[in-house]
Amino acid sequence: MNKRSCLIKIIILYSFSSILFLLTPICLMGILGTSVSLKYEVDEAIIFVNIDKKRSENEKIIALNEINQHEKELNRELYLWIFGSLGFPLLGTILLLYRRRLIGTNLK
């Protein structure tokens, strides 16, 4: 393997690893944003539906079903953000630990 292709592999490996580490704070901000959405778009909405005296029971049930569906979507999104915040740095670390095996040469 010539030196040029080895250098290109090293640059790609470190760039990809850096991107994975830089995605971690973005995932943490996503967790925060989704948690706030769960609080104010779901919990507060349930309270307002329950205290609203103008709605009939059927309208309340329909509104609560819509809120529950939205809660499921937000929980799914929250789990994806958590998986990303744990998985991206782990994958970046694995790439750095096995860099010699991935590049195929000795890096000294």
C-alpha atoms as a PDB file:
ATOM      1  CA  MET A   1       0.000   0.000   0.000  1.00  0.00           C
ATOM      2  CA  ASN A   2       1.476   3.302  -0.990  1.00  0.00           C
ATOM      3  CA  LYS A   3       1.877   6.237   1.317  1.00  0.00           C
ATOM      4  CA  ARG A   4      -0.711   8.425  -0.394  1.00  0.00           C
ATOM      5  CA  SER A   5      -3.618   5.984  -0.055  1.00  0.00           C
ATOM      6  CA  CYS A   6      -2.634   5.330   3.557  1.00  0.00           C
ATOM      7  CA  LEU A   7      -2.711   9.077   4.250  1.00  0.00           C
ATOM      8  CA  ILE A   8      -6.143   9.398   2.650  1.00  0.00           C
ATOM      9  CA  LYS A   9      -7.473   6.546   4.811  1.00  0.00           C
ATOM     10  CA  ILE A  10      -6.073   8.201   7.935  1.00  0.00           C
ATOM     11  CA  ILE A  11      -7.673  11.545   7.054  1.00  0.00           C
ATOM     12  CA  ILE A  12     -11.050   9.903   6.380  1.00  0.00           C
ATOM     13  CA  LEU A  13     -10.883   7.866   9.585  1.00  0.00           C
ATOM     14  CA  TYR A  14     -10.044  10.819  11.818  1.00  0.00           C
ATOM     15  CA  SER A  15     -12.588  13.051  10.067  1.00  0.00           C
ATOM     16  CA  PHE A  16     -15.360  10.510  10.518  1.00  0.00           C
ATOM     17  CA  SER A  17     -14.382   9.946  14.141  1.00  0.00           C
ATOM     18  CA  SER A  18     -14.367  13.713  14.796  1.00  0.00           C
ATOM     19  CA  ILE A  19     -17.814  14.068  13.253  1.00  0.00           C
ATOM     20  CA  LEU A  20     -19.127  11.311  15.505  1.00  0.00           C
ATOM     21  CA  PHE A  21     -17.762  13.042  18.594  1.00  0.00           C
ATOM     22  CA  LEU A  22     -19.159  16.411  17.474  1.00  0.00           C
ATOM     23  CA  LEU A  23     -22.639  14.921  17.042  1.00  0.00           C
ATOM     24  CA  THR A  24     -22.812  14.093  20.756  1.00  0.00           C
ATOM     25  CA  PRO A  25     -23.638  17.643  21.983  1.00  0.00           C
ATOM     26  CA  ILE A  26     -26.248  17.921  19.234  1.00  0.00           C
ATOM     27  CA  CYS A  27     -27.879  14.750  20.533  1.00  0.00           C
ATOM     28  CA  LEU A  28     -27.794  16.104  24.074  1.00  0.00           C
ATOM     29  CA  MET A  29     -29.548  19.268  22.900  1.00  0.00           C
ATOM     30  CA  GLY A  30     -32.096  17.051  21.116  1.00  0.00           C
ATOM     31  CA  ILE A  31     -32.755  15.212  24.373  1.00  0.00           C
ATOM     32  CA  LEU A  32     -33.297  18.508  26.152  1.00  0.00           C
ATOM     33  CA  GLY A  33     -35.605  19.849  23.444  1.00  0.00           C
ATOM     34  CA  THR A  34     -37.673  16.681  23.278  1.00  0.00           C
ATOM     35  CA  SER A  35     -37.994  16.581  27.061  1.00  0.00           C
ATOM     36  CA  VAL A  36     -39.292  20.152  27.067  1.00  0.00           C
ATOM     37  CA  SER A  37     -41.749  19.245  24.313  1.00  0.00           C
ATOM     38  CA  LEU A  38     -42.982  16.300  26.365  1.00  0.00           C
ATOM     39  CA  LYS A  39     -43.521  18.566  29.342  1.00  0.00           C
ATOM     40  CA  TYR A  40     -45.322  21.423  27.616  1.00  0.00           C
ATOM     41  CA  GLU A  41     -46.986  19.735  24.640  1.00  0.00           C
ATOM     42  CA  VAL A  42     -48.208  16.642  26.466  1.00  0.00           C
ATOM     43  CA  ASP A  43     -48.431  17.168  30.218  1.00  0.00           C
ATOM     44  CA  GLU A  44     -49.801  20.696  30.020  1.00  0.00           C
ATOM     45  CA  ALA A  45     -52.191  19.760  27.207  1.00  0.00           C
ATOM     46  CA  ILE A  46     -53.670  16.932  29.261  1.00  0.00           C
ATOM     47  CA  ILE A  47     -54.282  19.348  32.134  1.00  0.00           C
ATOM     48  CA  PHE A  48     -56.015  21.853  29.852  1.00  0.00           C
ATOM     49  CA  VAL A  49     -58.202  19.182  28.257  1.00  0.00           C
ATOM     50  CA  ASN A  50     -59.251  17.892  31.671  1.00  0.00           C
ATOM     51  CA  ILE A  51     -60.184  21.308  33.093  1.00  0.00           C
ATOM     52  CA  ASP A  52     -62.029  22.497  29.979  1.00  0.00           C
ATOM     53  CA  LYS A  53     -65.753  22.508  30.829  1.00  0.00           C
ATOM     54  CA  LYS A  54     -66.912  23.476  27.331  1.00  0.00           C
ATOM     55  CA  ARG A  55     -65.921  20.161  25.748  1.00  0.00           C
ATOM     56  CA  SER A  56     -68.148  17.133  25.761  1.00  0.00           C
ATOM     57  CA  GLU A  57     -66.827  13.763  26.950  1.00  0.00           C
ATOM     58  CA  ASN A  58     -66.393  12.533  23.359  1.00  0.00           C
ATOM     59  CA  GLU A  59     -64.372  15.617  22.434  1.00  0.00           C
ATOM     60  CA  LYS A  60     -62.182  15.117  25.506  1.00  0.00           C
ATOM     61  CA  ILE A  61     -61.566  11.480  24.569  1.00  0.00           C
ATOM     62  CA  ILE A  62     -60.625  12.471  21.010  1.00  0.00           C
ATOM     63  CA  ALA A  63     -58.289  15.207  22.275  1.00  0.00           C
ATOM     64  CA  LEU A  64     -56.675  12.861  24.800  1.00  0.00           C
ATOM     65  CA  ASN A  65     -56.144  10.211  22.100  1.00  0.00           C
ATOM     66  CA  GLU A  66     -54.396  12.797  19.908  1.00  0.00           C
ATOM     67  CA  ILE A  67     -52.228  13.877  22.829  1.00  0.00           C
ATOM     68  CA  ASN A  68     -51.323  10.246  23.594  1.00  0.00           C
ATOM     69  CA  GLN A  69     -50.346   9.681  19.960  1.00  0.00           C
ATOM     70  CA  HIS A  70     -48.149  12.785  20.058  1.00  0.00           C
ATOM     71  CA  GLU A  71     -46.586  11.545  23.312  1.00  0.00           C
ATOM     72  CA  LYS A  72     -45.684   8.227  21.657  1.00  0.00           C
ATOM     73  CA  GLU A  73     -44.012  10.072  18.772  1.00  0.00           C
ATOM     74  CA  LEU A  74     -42.034  12.283  21.159  1.00  0.00           C
ATOM     75  CA  ASN A  75     -40.958   9.285  23.250  1.00  0.00           C
ATOM     76  CA  ARG A  76     -39.743   7.504  20.117  1.00  0.00           C
ATOM     77  CA  GLU A  77     -37.773  10.610  19.154  1.00  0.00           C
ATOM     78  CA  LEU A  78     -36.345  10.862  22.673  1.00  0.00           C
ATOM     79  CA  TYR A  79     -35.126   7.260  22.541  1.00  0.00           C
ATOM     80  CA  LEU A  80     -33.406   7.930  19.215  1.00  0.00           C
ATOM     81  CA  TRP A  81     -31.626  10.974  20.679  1.00  0.00           C
ATOM     82  CA  ILE A  82     -30.518   8.931  23.700  1.00  0.00           C
ATOM     83  CA  PHE A  83     -29.251   6.144  21.446  1.00  0.00           C
ATOM     84  CA  GLY A  84     -27.322   8.694  19.380  1.00  0.00           C
ATOM     85  CA  SER A  85     -25.794  10.395  22.404  1.00  0.00           C
ATOM     86  CA  LEU A  86     -24.519   7.043  23.656  1.00  0.00           C
ATOM     87  CA  GLY A  87     -23.762   5.386  20.332  1.00  0.00           C
ATOM     88  CA  PHE A  88     -21.883   8.140  18.483  1.00  0.00           C
ATOM     89  CA  PRO A  89     -19.044   8.580  21.009  1.00  0.00           C
ATOM     90  CA  LEU A  90     -18.853   4.809  21.470  1.00  0.00           C
ATOM     91  CA  LEU A  91     -18.512   4.278  17.719  1.00  0.00           C
ATOM     92  CA  GLY A  92     -15.924   7.086  17.488  1.00  0.00           C
ATOM     93  CA  THR A  93     -13.901   5.496  20.275  1.00  0.00           C
ATOM     94  CA  ILE A  94     -14.074   2.081  18.615  1.00  0.00           C
ATOM     95  CA  LEU A  95     -12.849   3.598  15.355  1.00  0.00           C
ATOM     96  CA  LEU A  96      -9.887   5.180  17.138  1.00  0.00           C
ATOM     97  CA  LEU A  97      -9.042   2.026  19.062  1.00  0.00           C
ATOM     98  CA  TYR A  98      -9.047  -0.168  15.943  1.00  0.00           C
ATOM     99  CA  ARG A  99      -7.511   2.385  13.569  1.00  0.00           C
ATOM    100  CA  ARG A 100      -4.462   0.250  12.785  1.00  0.00           C
ATOM    101  CA  ARG A 101      -6.609  -2.696  11.832  1.00  0.00           C
ATOM    102  CA  LEU A 102      -8.924  -0.504   9.733  1.00  0.00           C
ATOM    103  CA  ILE A 103      -6.142   1.264   7.864  1.00  0.00           C
ATOM    104  CA  GLY A 104      -4.141  -1.894   7.383  1.00  0.00           C
ATOM    105  CA  THR A 105      -0.664  -0.583   8.202  1.00  0.00           C
ATOM    106  CA  ASN A 106       1.416   0.129  11.264  1.00  0.00           C
ATOM    107  CA  LEU A 107       1.123   3.726  12.394  1.00  0.00           C
ATOM    108  CA  LYS A 108       4.272   4.610  14.285  1.00  0.00           C
END
